[in-house]
Amino acid sequence: MAGDTDSIVLEHLRRIRASQERTELDIADLKSRVSGLEQVSGQMLAMLGSLNQRMDRFEDRLGRIERRLDLVET
């Protein structure tokens, strides 16, 4: 009787260990994916910052053109 109980407990422990190993692999995969997303988001933020600077310069240039052509009231 005790042998049956021991084998049942061992079988459950093996299943728990296998499940834990799968979970660890999933977590490692998720960590690498998040790391990749962080890199991409950092690059996107740098690009957006550059685009914002260019738009600001265009806005300044357009303002100067409008003033020279007297298209806006000063």
PDB file of N, CA and C in Angstrom:
ATOM      1  N   MET A   1       0.816  -1.192   0.000  1.00  0.00           N
ATOM      2  CA  MET A   1       0.000   0.000   0.000  1.00  0.00           C
ATOM      3  C   MET A   1       0.864   1.262   0.000  1.00  0.00           C
ATOM      4  N   ALA A   2       1.911   1.267   0.813  1.00  0.00           N
ATOM      5  CA  ALA A   2       2.787   2.436   0.890  1.00  0.00           C
ATOM      6  C   ALA A   2       3.529   2.617  -0.428  1.00  0.00           C
ATOM      7  N   GLY A   3       3.854   1.503  -1.120  1.00  0.00           N
ATOM      8  CA  GLY A   3       4.542   1.581  -2.403  1.00  0.00           C
ATOM      9  C   GLY A   3       3.688   2.254  -3.455  1.00  0.00           C
ATOM     10  N   ASP A   4       2.374   1.954  -3.443  1.00  0.00           N
ATOM     11  CA  ASP A   4       1.460   2.586  -4.387  1.00  0.00           C
ATOM     12  C   ASP A   4       1.384   4.092  -4.139  1.00  0.00           C
ATOM     13  N   THR A   5       1.307   4.465  -2.882  1.00  0.00           N
ATOM     14  CA  THR A   5       1.232   5.881  -2.530  1.00  0.00           C
ATOM     15  C   THR A   5       2.516   6.602  -2.940  1.00  0.00           C
ATOM     16  N   ASP A   6       3.656   5.953  -2.703  1.00  0.00           N
ATOM     17  CA  ASP A   6       4.938   6.558  -3.080  1.00  0.00           C
ATOM     18  C   ASP A   6       5.021   6.769  -4.590  1.00  0.00           C
ATOM     19  N   SER A   7       4.572   5.781  -5.372  1.00  0.00           N
ATOM     20  CA  SER A   7       4.666   5.917  -6.829  1.00  0.00           C
ATOM     21  C   SER A   7       3.715   7.004  -7.340  1.00  0.00           C
ATOM     22  N   ILE A   8       2.564   7.134  -6.711  1.00  0.00           N
ATOM     23  CA  ILE A   8       1.625   8.204  -7.100  1.00  0.00           C
ATOM     24  C   ILE A   8       2.235   9.571  -6.800  1.00  0.00           C
ATOM     25  N   VAL A   9       2.834   9.708  -5.633  1.00  0.00           N
ATOM     26  CA  VAL A   9       3.465  10.971  -5.251  1.00  0.00           C
ATOM     27  C   VAL A   9       4.615  11.285  -6.203  1.00  0.00           C
ATOM     28  N   LEU A  10       5.440  10.276  -6.511  1.00  0.00           N
ATOM     29  CA  LEU A  10       6.553  10.489  -7.433  1.00  0.00           C
ATOM     30  C   LEU A  10       6.062  10.899  -8.818  1.00  0.00           C
ATOM     31  N   GLU A  11       4.998  10.277  -9.278  1.00  0.00           N
ATOM     32  CA  GLU A  11       4.433  10.621 -10.589  1.00  0.00           C
ATOM     33  C   GLU A  11       3.940  12.068 -10.596  1.00  0.00           C
ATOM     34  N   HIS A  12       3.286  12.492  -9.538  1.00  0.00           N
ATOM     35  CA  HIS A  12       2.826  13.880  -9.445  1.00  0.00           C
ATOM     36  C   HIS A  12       4.016  14.850  -9.408  1.00  0.00           C
ATOM     37  N   LEU A  13       5.054  14.469  -8.658  1.00  0.00           N
ATOM     38  CA  LEU A  13       6.235  15.327  -8.599  1.00  0.00           C
ATOM     39  C   LEU A  13       6.899  15.445  -9.973  1.00  0.00           C
ATOM     40  N   ARG A  14       6.943  14.354 -10.722  1.00  0.00           N
ATOM     41  CA  ARG A  14       7.511  14.395 -12.074  1.00  0.00           C
ATOM     42  C   ARG A  14       6.698  15.322 -12.981  1.00  0.00           C
ATOM     43  N   ARG A  15       5.395  15.239 -12.868  1.00  0.00           N
ATOM     44  CA  ARG A  15       4.538  16.113 -13.683  1.00  0.00           C
ATOM     45  C   ARG A  15       4.721  17.584 -13.298  1.00  0.00           C
ATOM     46  N   ILE A  16       4.829  17.831 -12.006  1.00  0.00           N
ATOM     47  CA  ILE A  16       5.047  19.201 -11.530  1.00  0.00           C
ATOM     48  C   ILE A  16       6.381  19.719 -12.057  1.00  0.00           C
ATOM     49  N   ARG A  17       7.429  18.892 -11.993  1.00  0.00           N
ATOM     50  CA  ARG A  17       8.745  19.296 -12.483  1.00  0.00           C
ATOM     51  C   ARG A  17       8.696  19.586 -13.985  1.00  0.00           C
ATOM     52  N   ALA A  18       8.030  18.738 -14.743  1.00  0.00           N
ATOM     53  CA  ALA A  18       7.920  18.952 -16.191  1.00  0.00           C
ATOM     54  C   ALA A  18       7.171  20.250 -16.488  1.00  0.00           C
ATOM     55  N   SER A  19       6.112  20.480 -15.743  1.00  0.00           N
ATOM     56  CA  SER A  19       5.350  21.720 -15.916  1.00  0.00           C
ATOM     57  C   SER A  19       6.206  22.937 -15.564  1.00  0.00           C
ATOM     58  N   GLN A  20       6.978  22.825 -14.512  1.00  0.00           N
ATOM     59  CA  GLN A  20       7.853  23.923 -14.097  1.00  0.00           C
ATOM     60  C   GLN A  20       8.909  24.195 -15.169  1.00  0.00           C
ATOM     61  N   GLU A  21       9.466  23.161 -15.761  1.00  0.00           N
ATOM     62  CA  GLU A  21      10.472  23.336 -16.806  1.00  0.00           C
ATOM     63  C   GLU A  21       9.867  24.032 -18.027  1.00  0.00           C
ATOM     64  N   ARG A  22       8.645  23.656 -18.403  1.00  0.00           N
ATOM     65  CA  ARG A  22       7.971  24.328 -19.523  1.00  0.00           C
ATOM     66  C   ARG A  22       7.721  25.796 -19.199  1.00  0.00           C
ATOM     67  N   THR A  23       7.324  26.053 -17.967  1.00  0.00           N
ATOM     68  CA  THR A  23       7.079  27.433 -17.547  1.00  0.00           C
ATOM     69  C   THR A  23       8.370  28.246 -17.603  1.00  0.00           C
ATOM     70  N   GLU A  24       9.470  27.674 -17.161  1.00  0.00           N
ATOM     71  CA  GLU A  24      10.757  28.364 -17.208  1.00  0.00           C
ATOM     72  C   GLU A  24      11.155  28.675 -18.648  1.00  0.00           C
ATOM     73  N   LEU A  25      10.933  27.743 -19.558  1.00  0.00           N
ATOM     74  CA  LEU A  25      11.238  27.981 -20.972  1.00  0.00           C
ATOM     75  C   LEU A  25      10.355  29.097 -21.536  1.00  0.00           C
ATOM     76  N   ASP A  26       9.076  29.074 -21.167  1.00  0.00           N
ATOM     77  CA  ASP A  26       8.161  30.125 -21.628  1.00  0.00           C
ATOM     78  C   ASP A  26       8.590  31.493 -21.113  1.00  0.00           C
ATOM     79  N   ILE A  27       8.999  31.555 -19.857  1.00  0.00           N
ATOM     80  CA  ILE A  27       9.433  32.820 -19.269  1.00  0.00           C
ATOM     81  C   ILE A  27      10.700  33.323 -19.964  1.00  0.00           C
ATOM     82  N   ALA A  28      11.635  32.421 -20.242  1.00  0.00           N
ATOM     83  CA  ALA A  28      12.858  32.825 -20.943  1.00  0.00           C
ATOM     84  C   ALA A  28      12.519  33.367 -22.331  1.00  0.00           C
ATOM     85  N   ASP A  29      11.573  32.725 -23.014  1.00  0.00           N
ATOM     86  CA  ASP A  29      11.138  33.195 -24.335  1.00  0.00           C
ATOM     87  C   ASP A  29      10.501  34.576 -24.229  1.00  0.00           C
ATOM     88  N   LEU A  30       9.640  34.761 -23.242  1.00  0.00           N
ATOM     89  CA  LEU A  30       8.988  36.058 -23.049  1.00  0.00           C
ATOM     90  C   LEU A  30      10.002  37.156 -22.728  1.00  0.00           C
ATOM     91  N   LYS A  31      11.009  36.838 -21.932  1.00  0.00           N
ATOM     92  CA  LYS A  31      12.043  37.827 -21.606  1.00  0.00           C
ATOM     93  C   LYS A  31      12.774  38.272 -22.861  1.00  0.00           C
ATOM     94  N   SER A  32      13.106  37.330 -23.727  1.00  0.00           N
ATOM     95  CA  SER A  32      13.825  37.716 -24.944  1.00  0.00           C
ATOM     96  C   SER A  32      12.933  38.536 -25.862  1.00  0.00           C
ATOM     97  N   ARG A  33      11.650  38.215 -25.921  1.00  0.00           N
ATOM     98  CA  ARG A  33      10.728  38.994 -26.749  1.00  0.00           C
ATOM     99  C   ARG A  33      10.558  40.413 -26.215  1.00  0.00           C
ATOM    100  N   VAL A  34      10.432  40.553 -24.913  1.00  0.00           N
ATOM    101  CA  VAL A  34      10.283  41.881 -24.307  1.00  0.00           C
ATOM    102  C   VAL A  34      11.547  42.697 -24.546  1.00  0.00           C
ATOM    103  N   SER A  35      12.695  42.061 -24.430  1.00  0.00           N
ATOM    104  CA  SER A  35      13.953  42.753 -24.686  1.00  0.00           C
ATOM    105  C   SER A  35      13.991  43.274 -26.120  1.00  0.00           C
ATOM    106  N   GLY A  36      13.551  42.476 -27.064  1.00  0.00           N
ATOM    107  CA  GLY A  36      13.493  42.906 -28.457  1.00  0.00           C
ATOM    108  C   GLY A  36      12.541  44.065 -28.648  1.00  0.00           C
ATOM    109  N   LEU A  37      11.405  44.012 -27.989  1.00  0.00           N
ATOM    110  CA  LEU A  37      10.442  45.112 -28.083  1.00  0.00           C
ATOM    111  C   LEU A  37      11.000  46.396 -27.484  1.00  0.00           C
ATOM    112  N   GLU A  38      11.742  46.277 -26.400  1.00  0.00           N
ATOM    113  CA  GLU A  38      12.346  47.459 -25.788  1.00  0.00           C
ATOM    114  C   GLU A  38      13.338  48.110 -26.740  1.00  0.00           C
ATOM    115  N   GLN A  39      14.109  47.292 -27.444  1.00  0.00           N
ATOM    116  CA  GLN A  39      15.065  47.841 -28.402  1.00  0.00           C
ATOM    117  C   GLN A  39      14.342  48.553 -29.535  1.00  0.00           C
ATOM    118  N   VAL A  40      13.293  47.927 -30.059  1.00  0.00           N
ATOM    119  CA  VAL A  40      12.542  48.526 -31.151  1.00  0.00           C
ATOM    120  C   VAL A  40      11.871  49.818 -30.701  1.00  0.00           C
ATOM    121  N   SER A  41      11.299  49.812 -29.507  1.00  0.00           N
ATOM    122  CA  SER A  41      10.620  51.021 -29.026  1.00  0.00           C
ATOM    123  C   SER A  41      11.618  52.150 -28.811  1.00  0.00           C
ATOM    124  N   GLY A  42      12.825  51.832 -28.357  1.00  0.00           N
ATOM    125  CA  GLY A  42      13.854  52.852 -28.202  1.00  0.00           C
ATOM    126  C   GLY A  42      14.230  53.464 -29.542  1.00  0.00           C
ATOM    127  N   GLN A  43      14.340  52.621 -30.566  1.00  0.00           N
ATOM    128  CA  GLN A  43      14.652  53.113 -31.901  1.00  0.00           C
ATOM    129  C   GLN A  43      13.509  53.972 -32.437  1.00  0.00           C
ATOM    130  N   MET A  44      12.295  53.556 -32.173  1.00  0.00           N
ATOM    131  CA  MET A  44      11.133  54.328 -32.640  1.00  0.00           C
ATOM    132  C   MET A  44      11.091  55.696 -31.966  1.00  0.00           C
ATOM    133  N   LEU A  45      11.382  55.755 -30.680  1.00  0.00           N
ATOM    134  CA  LEU A  45      11.390  57.037 -29.978  1.00  0.00           C
ATOM    135  C   LEU A  45      12.463  57.966 -30.541  1.00  0.00           C
ATOM    136  N   ALA A  46      13.623  57.409 -30.862  1.00  0.00           N
ATOM    137  CA  ALA A  46      14.690  58.224 -31.450  1.00  0.00           C
ATOM    138  C   ALA A  46      14.251  58.765 -32.805  1.00  0.00           C
ATOM    139  N   MET A  47      13.587  57.931 -33.598  1.00  0.00           N
ATOM    140  CA  MET A  47      13.108  58.377 -34.910  1.00  0.00           C
ATOM    141  C   MET A  47      12.050  59.460 -34.763  1.00  0.00           C
ATOM    142  N   LEU A  48      11.147  59.292 -33.814  1.00  0.00           N
ATOM    143  CA  LEU A  48      10.109  60.298 -33.601  1.00  0.00           C
ATOM    144  C   LEU A  48      10.711  61.628 -33.151  1.00  0.00           C
ATOM    145  N   GLY A  49      11.715  61.561 -32.312  1.00  0.00           N
ATOM    146  CA  GLY A  49      12.378  62.782 -31.879  1.00  0.00           C
ATOM    147  C   GLY A  49      13.017  63.507 -33.057  1.00  0.00           C
ATOM    148  N   SER A  50      13.641  62.756 -33.929  1.00  0.00           N
ATOM    149  CA  SER A  50      14.261  63.339 -35.120  1.00  0.00           C
ATOM    150  C   SER A  50      13.204  63.958 -36.030  1.00  0.00           C
ATOM    151  N   LEU A  51      12.091  63.257 -36.211  1.00  0.00           N
ATOM    152  CA  LEU A  51      11.015  63.789 -37.050  1.00  0.00           C
ATOM    153  C   LEU A  51      10.415  65.056 -36.457  1.00  0.00           C
ATOM    154  N   ASN A  52      10.273  65.084 -35.135  1.00  0.00           N
ATOM    155  CA  ASN A  52       9.742  66.285 -34.482  1.00  0.00           C
ATOM    156  C   ASN A  52      10.656  67.482 -34.703  1.00  0.00           C
ATOM    157  N   GLN A  53      11.955  67.257 -34.632  1.00  0.00           N
ATOM    158  CA  GLN A  53      12.907  68.348 -34.873  1.00  0.00           C
ATOM    159  C   GLN A  53      12.790  68.854 -36.305  1.00  0.00           C
ATOM    160  N   ARG A  54      12.676  67.943 -37.256  1.00  0.00           N
ATOM    161  CA  ARG A  54      12.542  68.353 -38.656  1.00  0.00           C
ATOM    162  C   ARG A  54      11.259  69.133 -38.875  1.00  0.00           C
ATOM    163  N   MET A  55      10.169  68.678 -38.263  1.00  0.00           N
ATOM    164  CA  MET A  55       8.891  69.394 -38.406  1.00  0.00           C
ATOM    165  C   MET A  55       8.992  70.793 -37.805  1.00  0.00           C
ATOM    166  N   ASP A  56       9.682  70.923 -36.692  1.00  0.00           N
ATOM    167  CA  ASP A  56       9.864  72.243 -36.083  1.00  0.00           C
ATOM    168  C   ASP A  56      10.627  73.171 -37.028  1.00  0.00           C
ATOM    169  N   ARG A  57      11.655  72.637 -37.660  1.00  0.00           N
ATOM    170  CA  ARG A  57      12.421  73.463 -38.605  1.00  0.00           C
ATOM    171  C   ARG A  57      11.559  73.864 -39.800  1.00  0.00           C
ATOM    172  N   PHE A  58      10.754  72.927 -40.314  1.00  0.00           N
ATOM    173  CA  PHE A  58       9.850  73.263 -41.423  1.00  0.00           C
ATOM    174  C   PHE A  58       8.862  74.358 -41.015  1.00  0.00           C
ATOM    175  N   GLU A  59       8.356  74.244 -39.808  1.00  0.00           N
ATOM    176  CA  GLU A  59       7.410  75.230 -39.300  1.00  0.00           C
ATOM    177  C   GLU A  59       8.061  76.605 -39.216  1.00  0.00           C
ATOM    178  N   ASP A  60       9.299  76.650 -38.736  1.00  0.00           N
ATOM    179  CA  ASP A  60      10.028  77.924 -38.666  1.00  0.00           C
ATOM    180  C   ASP A  60      10.243  78.505 -40.058  1.00  0.00           C
ATOM    181  N   ARG A  61      10.668  77.655 -40.979  1.00  0.00           N
ATOM    182  CA  ARG A  61      10.914  78.130 -42.347  1.00  0.00           C
ATOM    183  C   ARG A  61       9.638  78.637 -42.994  1.00  0.00           C
ATOM    184  N   LEU A  62       8.535  77.917 -42.806  1.00  0.00           N
ATOM    185  CA  LEU A  62       7.259  78.335 -43.374  1.00  0.00           C
ATOM    186  C   LEU A  62       6.830  79.676 -42.795  1.00  0.00           C
ATOM    187  N   GLY A  63       7.045  79.860 -41.501  1.00  0.00           N
ATOM    188  CA  GLY A  63       6.706  81.128 -40.865  1.00  0.00           C
ATOM    189  C   GLY A  63       7.497  82.281 -41.463  1.00  0.00           C
ATOM    190  N   ARG A  64       8.785  82.048 -41.688  1.00  0.00           N
ATOM    191  CA  ARG A  64       9.604  83.106 -42.306  1.00  0.00           C
ATOM    192  C   ARG A  64       9.131  83.417 -43.725  1.00  0.00           C
ATOM    193  N   ILE A  65       8.798  82.402 -44.494  1.00  0.00           N
ATOM    194  CA  ILE A  65       8.314  82.604 -45.865  1.00  0.00           C
ATOM    195  C   ILE A  65       7.016  83.398 -45.855  1.00  0.00           C
ATOM    196  N   GLU A  66       6.102  83.023 -44.951  1.00  0.00           N
ATOM    197  CA  GLU A  66       4.821  83.740 -44.877  1.00  0.00           C
ATOM    198  C   GLU A  66       5.034  85.215 -44.517  1.00  0.00           C
ATOM    199  N   ARG A  67       5.959  85.481 -43.607  1.00  0.00           N
ATOM    200  CA  ARG A  67       6.221  86.875 -43.217  1.00  0.00           C
ATOM    201  C   ARG A  67       6.847  87.660 -44.373  1.00  0.00           C
ATOM    202  N   ARG A  68       7.770  87.053 -45.095  1.00  0.00           N
ATOM    203  CA  ARG A  68       8.400  87.748 -46.216  1.00  0.00           C
ATOM    204  C   ARG A  68       7.406  88.072 -47.317  1.00  0.00           C
ATOM    205  N   LEU A  69       6.468  87.159 -47.516  1.00  0.00           N
ATOM    206  CA  LEU A  69       5.466  87.389 -48.582  1.00  0.00           C
ATOM    207  C   LEU A  69       4.265  88.172 -48.073  1.00  0.00           C
ATOM    208  N   ASP A  70       4.322  88.623 -46.841  1.00  0.00           N
ATOM    209  CA  ASP A  70       3.209  89.343 -46.207  1.00  0.00           C
ATOM    210  C   ASP A  70       1.897  88.553 -46.285  1.00  0.00           C
ATOM    211  N   LEU A  71       1.984  87.253 -46.018  1.00  0.00           N
ATOM    212  CA  LEU A  71       0.793  86.421 -46.032  1.00  0.00           C
ATOM    213  C   LEU A  71       0.140  86.340 -44.648  1.00  0.00           C
ATOM    214  N   VAL A  72       0.829  86.810 -43.646  1.00  0.00           N
ATOM    215  CA  VAL A  72       0.280  86.787 -42.283  1.00  0.00           C
ATOM    216  C   VAL A  72       0.373  88.193 -41.711  1.00  0.00           C
ATOM    217  N   GLU A  73      -0.520  88.489 -40.794  1.00  0.00           N
ATOM    218  CA  GLU A  73      -0.476  89.783 -40.125  1.00  0.00           C
ATOM    219  C   GLU A  73       0.577  89.730 -39.026  1.00  0.00           C
ATOM    220  N   THR A  74       1.364  90.773 -38.922  1.00  0.00           N
ATOM    221  CA  THR A  74       2.420  90.794 -37.895  1.00  0.00           C
ATOM    222  C   THR A  74       1.987  91.577 -36.680  1.00  0.00           C
TER     223      THR A  74
END
